[in-house]
């Protein structure tokens, strides 16, 4: 059985996020983790876009309402970075909405405030 490319990509990104978390620990702002994860992605030649605008289409009109996806990796994986005490259902709802509005199917919530990053990871699929 061949591992799907998206699965392998997700595993690579998680590994890089764990590397960032090991070096920085918890307690920083989301922007610091985002910056360091972007550094790791670039260093490993993984394509990504940062703070991707996400317009809302309302009655066939595209409206910029200020929504931004933290990272879109290889045009298929949406990463939402958090640095909060714990993930709650609204965070999953936010990422699911981003997936629906953007047309992407796979997303990851990454809460860098967790003691172990693996405990702060959530996978969402449309």
N, C-alpha and C. Protein backbone atom coordinates (compact mmCIF):
# COMPACT_ATOMS: atom_id res chain seq x y z
N UNK A 1 0.84 -1.18 0.00
CA UNK A 1 0.00 0.00 0.00
C UNK A 1 0.89 1.25 0.00
N UNK A 2 0.65 2.13 -0.95
CA UNK A 2 1.44 3.35 -1.07
C UNK A 2 0.84 4.44 -0.18
N UNK A 3 1.71 5.16 0.55
CA UNK A 3 1.26 6.25 1.41
C UNK A 3 0.90 7.44 0.53
N UNK A 4 -0.30 8.01 0.71
CA UNK A 4 -0.67 9.18 -0.09
C UNK A 4 0.28 10.34 0.15
N UNK A 5 0.53 11.14 -0.88
CA UNK A 5 1.43 12.28 -0.76
C UNK A 5 0.99 13.23 0.35
N UNK A 6 -0.31 13.46 0.49
CA UNK A 6 -0.79 14.37 1.52
C UNK A 6 -0.47 13.83 2.92
N UNK A 7 -0.53 12.53 3.08
CA UNK A 7 -0.19 11.94 4.37
C UNK A 7 1.29 12.17 4.68
N UNK A 8 2.15 11.90 3.71
CA UNK A 8 3.58 12.09 3.90
C UNK A 8 3.90 13.56 4.17
N UNK A 9 3.24 14.45 3.44
CA UNK A 9 3.45 15.88 3.64
C UNK A 9 3.03 16.28 5.06
N UNK A 10 1.89 15.81 5.49
CA UNK A 10 1.40 16.13 6.83
C UNK A 10 2.38 15.65 7.89
N UNK A 11 2.91 14.45 7.72
CA UNK A 11 3.87 13.92 8.68
C UNK A 11 5.15 14.76 8.71
N UNK A 12 5.61 15.21 7.55
CA UNK A 12 6.81 16.07 7.51
C UNK A 12 6.56 17.38 8.24
N UNK A 13 5.41 17.99 7.99
CA UNK A 13 5.07 19.27 8.62
C UNK A 13 4.96 19.10 10.13
N UNK A 14 4.34 18.03 10.57
CA UNK A 14 4.23 17.77 12.01
C UNK A 14 5.63 17.60 12.62
N UNK A 15 6.49 16.89 11.93
CA UNK A 15 7.86 16.72 12.43
C UNK A 15 8.58 18.05 12.58
N UNK A 16 8.39 18.94 11.62
CA UNK A 16 9.02 20.26 11.70
C UNK A 16 8.41 21.09 12.83
N UNK A 17 7.10 20.97 13.00
CA UNK A 17 6.44 21.69 14.10
C UNK A 17 6.95 21.19 15.46
N UNK A 18 7.14 19.89 15.57
CA UNK A 18 7.68 19.33 16.81
C UNK A 18 9.09 19.86 17.05
N UNK A 19 9.88 19.97 16.00
CA UNK A 19 11.23 20.54 16.11
C UNK A 19 11.17 21.97 16.66
N UNK A 20 10.25 22.77 16.12
CA UNK A 20 10.08 24.15 16.60
C UNK A 20 9.71 24.14 18.07
N UNK A 21 8.75 23.30 18.44
CA UNK A 21 8.27 23.24 19.82
C UNK A 21 9.38 22.78 20.77
N UNK A 22 10.20 21.84 20.34
CA UNK A 22 11.32 21.37 21.19
C UNK A 22 12.30 22.50 21.48
N UNK A 23 12.54 23.34 20.49
CA UNK A 23 13.50 24.43 20.67
C UNK A 23 12.92 25.60 21.45
N UNK A 24 11.66 25.90 21.25
CA UNK A 24 11.07 27.09 21.87
C UNK A 24 10.27 26.82 23.13
N UNK A 25 9.70 25.63 23.24
CA UNK A 25 8.80 25.35 24.35
C UNK A 25 7.50 26.11 24.17
N UNK A 26 6.72 26.19 25.23
CA UNK A 26 5.45 26.91 25.15
C UNK A 26 5.62 28.29 25.79
N UNK A 27 4.63 29.13 25.61
CA UNK A 27 4.64 30.44 26.26
C UNK A 27 4.87 31.63 25.35
N UNK A 28 5.11 31.38 24.07
CA UNK A 28 5.32 32.50 23.13
C UNK A 28 4.02 32.81 22.38
N UNK A 29 4.05 33.88 21.62
CA UNK A 29 2.90 34.25 20.80
C UNK A 29 2.82 33.34 19.58
N UNK A 30 1.62 33.21 19.04
CA UNK A 30 1.41 32.41 17.83
C UNK A 30 2.33 32.86 16.71
N UNK A 31 2.54 34.17 16.59
CA UNK A 31 3.36 34.70 15.49
C UNK A 31 4.80 34.18 15.56
N UNK A 32 5.32 33.95 16.75
CA UNK A 32 6.68 33.42 16.88
C UNK A 32 6.75 31.99 16.36
N UNK A 33 5.77 31.18 16.72
CA UNK A 33 5.74 29.80 16.23
C UNK A 33 5.55 29.77 14.72
N UNK A 34 4.70 30.64 14.22
CA UNK A 34 4.47 30.70 12.78
C UNK A 34 5.76 31.07 12.05
N UNK A 35 6.45 32.06 12.55
CA UNK A 35 7.71 32.49 11.92
C UNK A 35 8.72 31.35 11.90
N UNK A 36 8.87 30.66 13.01
CA UNK A 36 9.84 29.57 13.09
C UNK A 36 9.43 28.38 12.23
N UNK A 37 8.14 28.06 12.20
CA UNK A 37 7.68 26.97 11.34
C UNK A 37 7.90 27.32 9.87
N UNK A 38 7.67 28.55 9.50
CA UNK A 38 7.93 28.99 8.12
C UNK A 38 9.42 28.86 7.79
N UNK A 39 10.27 29.20 8.73
CA UNK A 39 11.71 29.02 8.54
C UNK A 39 12.03 27.55 8.26
N UNK A 40 11.47 26.66 9.06
CA UNK A 40 11.72 25.22 8.88
C UNK A 40 11.19 24.74 7.53
N UNK A 41 9.99 25.17 7.16
CA UNK A 41 9.43 24.77 5.86
C UNK A 41 10.34 25.22 4.72
N UNK A 42 10.78 26.47 4.78
CA UNK A 42 11.65 27.01 3.73
C UNK A 42 12.98 26.27 3.69
N UNK A 43 13.55 25.99 4.86
CA UNK A 43 14.81 25.28 4.95
C UNK A 43 14.72 23.88 4.34
N UNK A 44 13.54 23.28 4.45
CA UNK A 44 13.33 21.92 3.93
C UNK A 44 12.67 21.92 2.54
N UNK A 45 12.70 23.08 1.89
CA UNK A 45 12.16 23.20 0.52
C UNK A 45 10.72 22.73 0.39
N UNK A 46 9.91 23.05 1.38
CA UNK A 46 8.49 22.73 1.33
C UNK A 46 7.74 24.02 0.98
N UNK A 47 6.99 23.98 -0.09
CA UNK A 47 6.25 25.15 -0.55
C UNK A 47 5.16 25.52 0.46
N UNK A 48 5.03 26.82 0.71
CA UNK A 48 3.98 27.28 1.62
C UNK A 48 3.63 28.73 1.29
N UNK A 49 2.43 29.11 1.71
CA UNK A 49 2.00 30.50 1.65
C UNK A 49 1.55 30.87 3.06
N UNK A 50 1.82 32.09 3.43
CA UNK A 50 1.59 32.55 4.80
C UNK A 50 0.53 33.64 4.83
N UNK A 51 -0.34 33.58 5.85
CA UNK A 51 -1.40 34.57 6.04
C UNK A 51 -2.20 34.78 4.74
N UNK A 52 -2.73 33.68 4.25
CA UNK A 52 -3.45 33.65 2.98
C UNK A 52 -4.85 34.24 3.17
N UNK A 53 -5.14 35.28 2.40
CA UNK A 53 -6.46 35.93 2.47
C UNK A 53 -7.54 34.93 2.09
N UNK A 54 -8.64 34.99 2.81
CA UNK A 54 -9.75 34.08 2.58
C UNK A 54 -11.03 34.89 2.46
N UNK A 55 -11.38 35.27 1.24
CA UNK A 55 -12.61 36.04 1.07
C UNK A 55 -13.84 35.17 1.28
N UNK A 56 -14.94 35.81 1.56
CA UNK A 56 -16.23 35.14 1.68
C UNK A 56 -17.02 35.46 0.43
N UNK A 57 -17.59 34.43 -0.19
CA UNK A 57 -18.44 34.66 -1.36
C UNK A 57 -19.88 34.71 -0.87
N UNK A 58 -20.48 35.86 -1.06
CA UNK A 58 -21.85 36.09 -0.63
C UNK A 58 -22.64 36.57 -1.83
N UNK A 59 -23.65 35.80 -2.21
CA UNK A 59 -24.48 36.14 -3.36
C UNK A 59 -23.64 36.47 -4.58
N UNK A 60 -22.67 35.57 -4.84
CA UNK A 60 -21.77 35.66 -6.00
C UNK A 60 -20.82 36.85 -5.97
N UNK A 61 -20.69 37.49 -4.82
CA UNK A 61 -19.74 38.60 -4.66
C UNK A 61 -18.67 38.16 -3.66
N UNK A 62 -17.42 38.36 -4.02
CA UNK A 62 -16.31 38.03 -3.15
C UNK A 62 -16.03 39.22 -2.23
N UNK A 63 -16.11 38.97 -0.92
CA UNK A 63 -15.92 40.04 0.07
C UNK A 63 -14.73 39.72 0.96
N UNK A 64 -13.82 40.67 1.08
CA UNK A 64 -12.68 40.50 1.97
C UNK A 64 -13.12 40.93 3.36
N UNK A 65 -13.30 39.95 4.22
CA UNK A 65 -13.76 40.22 5.59
C UNK A 65 -12.63 40.10 6.60
N UNK A 66 -11.41 40.01 6.11
CA UNK A 66 -10.26 39.98 7.01
C UNK A 66 -9.84 38.60 7.47
N UNK A 67 -10.45 37.55 6.96
CA UNK A 67 -10.04 36.21 7.36
C UNK A 67 -8.71 35.86 6.70
N UNK A 68 -7.84 35.19 7.46
CA UNK A 68 -6.53 34.78 6.96
C UNK A 68 -6.23 33.37 7.46
N UNK A 69 -5.79 32.52 6.56
CA UNK A 69 -5.32 31.19 6.95
C UNK A 69 -3.85 31.35 7.32
N UNK A 70 -3.46 30.83 8.46
CA UNK A 70 -2.08 31.00 8.91
C UNK A 70 -1.09 30.50 7.86
N UNK A 71 -1.24 29.24 7.46
CA UNK A 71 -0.35 28.65 6.45
C UNK A 71 -1.14 27.74 5.54
N UNK A 72 -0.77 27.76 4.27
CA UNK A 72 -1.24 26.74 3.32
C UNK A 72 0.02 26.11 2.76
N UNK A 73 0.20 24.82 3.04
CA UNK A 73 1.42 24.11 2.67
C UNK A 73 1.16 23.28 1.41
N UNK A 74 2.03 23.48 0.44
CA UNK A 74 1.96 22.74 -0.83
C UNK A 74 0.58 22.80 -1.48
N UNK A 75 -0.09 23.92 -1.29
CA UNK A 75 -1.41 24.18 -1.89
C UNK A 75 -2.48 23.17 -1.52
N UNK A 76 -2.27 22.42 -0.42
CA UNK A 76 -3.27 21.41 -0.08
C UNK A 76 -3.53 21.24 1.41
N UNK A 77 -2.63 21.71 2.26
CA UNK A 77 -2.74 21.49 3.70
C UNK A 77 -2.84 22.83 4.41
N UNK A 78 -3.95 23.05 5.11
CA UNK A 78 -4.16 24.29 5.85
C UNK A 78 -3.72 24.07 7.29
N UNK A 79 -2.84 24.95 7.77
CA UNK A 79 -2.35 24.88 9.15
C UNK A 79 -2.87 26.10 9.90
N UNK A 80 -3.52 25.85 11.02
CA UNK A 80 -3.98 26.92 11.90
C UNK A 80 -3.18 26.80 13.20
N UNK A 81 -2.40 27.82 13.50
CA UNK A 81 -1.51 27.82 14.66
C UNK A 81 -2.19 28.50 15.83
N UNK A 82 -2.10 27.86 16.98
CA UNK A 82 -2.63 28.42 18.22
C UNK A 82 -1.54 28.36 19.29
N UNK A 83 -1.66 29.23 20.28
CA UNK A 83 -0.80 29.20 21.46
C UNK A 83 -1.71 29.56 22.64
N UNK A 84 -2.58 28.61 22.96
CA UNK A 84 -3.62 28.83 23.96
C UNK A 84 -3.64 27.68 24.96
N UNK A 85 -4.33 27.88 26.08
CA UNK A 85 -4.33 26.87 27.12
C UNK A 85 -4.86 25.53 26.62
N UNK A 86 -5.96 25.56 25.88
CA UNK A 86 -6.49 24.31 25.31
C UNK A 86 -7.36 24.62 24.10
N UNK A 87 -7.40 23.66 23.20
CA UNK A 87 -8.27 23.79 22.03
C UNK A 87 -9.71 23.50 22.46
N UNK A 88 -10.63 24.26 21.92
CA UNK A 88 -12.05 24.06 22.19
C UNK A 88 -12.78 23.94 20.85
N UNK A 89 -14.02 23.52 20.85
CA UNK A 89 -14.74 23.26 19.60
C UNK A 89 -14.76 24.44 18.62
N UNK A 90 -14.74 25.67 19.08
CA UNK A 90 -14.77 26.81 18.16
C UNK A 90 -13.52 26.85 17.28
N UNK A 91 -12.40 26.35 17.78
CA UNK A 91 -11.17 26.32 16.98
C UNK A 91 -11.29 25.32 15.83
N UNK A 92 -11.92 24.18 16.12
CA UNK A 92 -12.17 23.21 15.06
C UNK A 92 -13.17 23.78 14.05
N UNK A 93 -14.19 24.46 14.54
CA UNK A 93 -15.17 25.08 13.65
C UNK A 93 -14.52 26.12 12.75
N UNK A 94 -13.59 26.89 13.31
CA UNK A 94 -12.87 27.89 12.53
C UNK A 94 -12.11 27.23 11.38
N UNK A 95 -11.36 26.18 11.69
CA UNK A 95 -10.58 25.51 10.66
C UNK A 95 -11.48 24.84 9.63
N UNK A 96 -12.56 24.21 10.07
CA UNK A 96 -13.50 23.61 9.13
C UNK A 96 -14.09 24.65 8.19
N UNK A 97 -14.37 25.83 8.71
CA UNK A 97 -14.88 26.92 7.87
C UNK A 97 -13.83 27.35 6.87
N UNK A 98 -12.58 27.47 7.31
CA UNK A 98 -11.50 27.82 6.39
C UNK A 98 -11.37 26.79 5.27
N UNK A 99 -11.48 25.50 5.63
CA UNK A 99 -11.40 24.45 4.62
C UNK A 99 -12.56 24.58 3.63
N UNK A 100 -13.74 24.77 4.14
CA UNK A 100 -14.92 24.87 3.28
C UNK A 100 -14.82 26.07 2.35
N UNK A 101 -14.45 27.23 2.89
CA UNK A 101 -14.38 28.45 2.08
C UNK A 101 -13.23 28.42 1.06
N UNK A 102 -12.15 27.74 1.41
CA UNK A 102 -10.97 27.73 0.54
C UNK A 102 -11.00 26.60 -0.49
N UNK A 103 -11.81 25.59 -0.24
CA UNK A 103 -11.84 24.44 -1.14
C UNK A 103 -10.78 23.39 -0.82
N UNK A 104 -10.01 23.60 0.24
CA UNK A 104 -9.03 22.60 0.67
C UNK A 104 -9.75 21.53 1.48
N UNK A 105 -9.15 20.35 1.55
CA UNK A 105 -9.82 19.25 2.24
C UNK A 105 -9.18 18.87 3.57
N UNK A 106 -7.89 19.17 3.74
CA UNK A 106 -7.19 18.70 4.94
C UNK A 106 -6.61 19.88 5.71
N UNK A 107 -6.83 19.84 7.03
CA UNK A 107 -6.29 20.90 7.88
C UNK A 107 -5.75 20.33 9.17
N UNK A 108 -4.87 21.10 9.77
CA UNK A 108 -4.29 20.75 11.06
C UNK A 108 -4.34 21.94 11.99
N UNK A 109 -4.86 21.70 13.18
CA UNK A 109 -4.74 22.66 14.28
C UNK A 109 -3.47 22.28 15.03
N UNK A 110 -2.65 23.29 15.34
CA UNK A 110 -1.43 23.05 16.11
C UNK A 110 -1.39 24.01 17.27
N UNK A 111 -1.56 23.49 18.47
CA UNK A 111 -1.52 24.31 19.67
C UNK A 111 -0.15 24.19 20.32
N UNK A 112 0.67 25.22 20.14
CA UNK A 112 2.04 25.20 20.65
C UNK A 112 2.11 25.46 22.15
N UNK A 113 1.00 25.73 22.79
CA UNK A 113 1.01 25.92 24.24
C UNK A 113 1.01 24.58 24.98
N UNK A 114 0.69 23.50 24.29
CA UNK A 114 0.67 22.18 24.91
C UNK A 114 2.08 21.79 25.40
N UNK A 115 2.12 21.06 26.49
CA UNK A 115 3.41 20.59 27.03
C UNK A 115 4.11 19.72 25.98
N UNK A 116 3.38 18.78 25.41
CA UNK A 116 3.85 17.97 24.29
C UNK A 116 3.02 18.37 23.07
N UNK A 117 3.67 18.77 22.01
CA UNK A 117 2.93 19.24 20.84
C UNK A 117 1.96 18.19 20.32
N UNK A 118 2.32 16.91 20.42
CA UNK A 118 1.42 15.86 19.92
C UNK A 118 0.05 15.94 20.61
N UNK A 119 0.01 16.45 21.84
CA UNK A 119 -1.26 16.60 22.55
C UNK A 119 -2.05 17.82 22.09
N UNK A 120 -1.40 18.69 21.33
CA UNK A 120 -2.05 19.90 20.84
C UNK A 120 -2.36 19.84 19.35
N UNK A 121 -2.33 18.65 18.77
CA UNK A 121 -2.59 18.50 17.34
C UNK A 121 -4.00 17.96 17.10
N UNK A 122 -4.66 18.52 16.11
CA UNK A 122 -5.95 18.02 15.66
C UNK A 122 -5.94 17.96 14.14
N UNK A 123 -6.44 16.88 13.58
CA UNK A 123 -6.55 16.71 12.14
C UNK A 123 -8.01 16.85 11.75
N UNK A 124 -8.28 17.67 10.76
CA UNK A 124 -9.65 17.85 10.27
C UNK A 124 -9.67 17.62 8.78
N UNK A 125 -10.69 16.90 8.33
CA UNK A 125 -10.83 16.59 6.91
C UNK A 125 -12.27 16.86 6.49
N UNK A 126 -12.42 17.49 5.34
CA UNK A 126 -13.77 17.69 4.77
C UNK A 126 -14.11 16.52 3.89
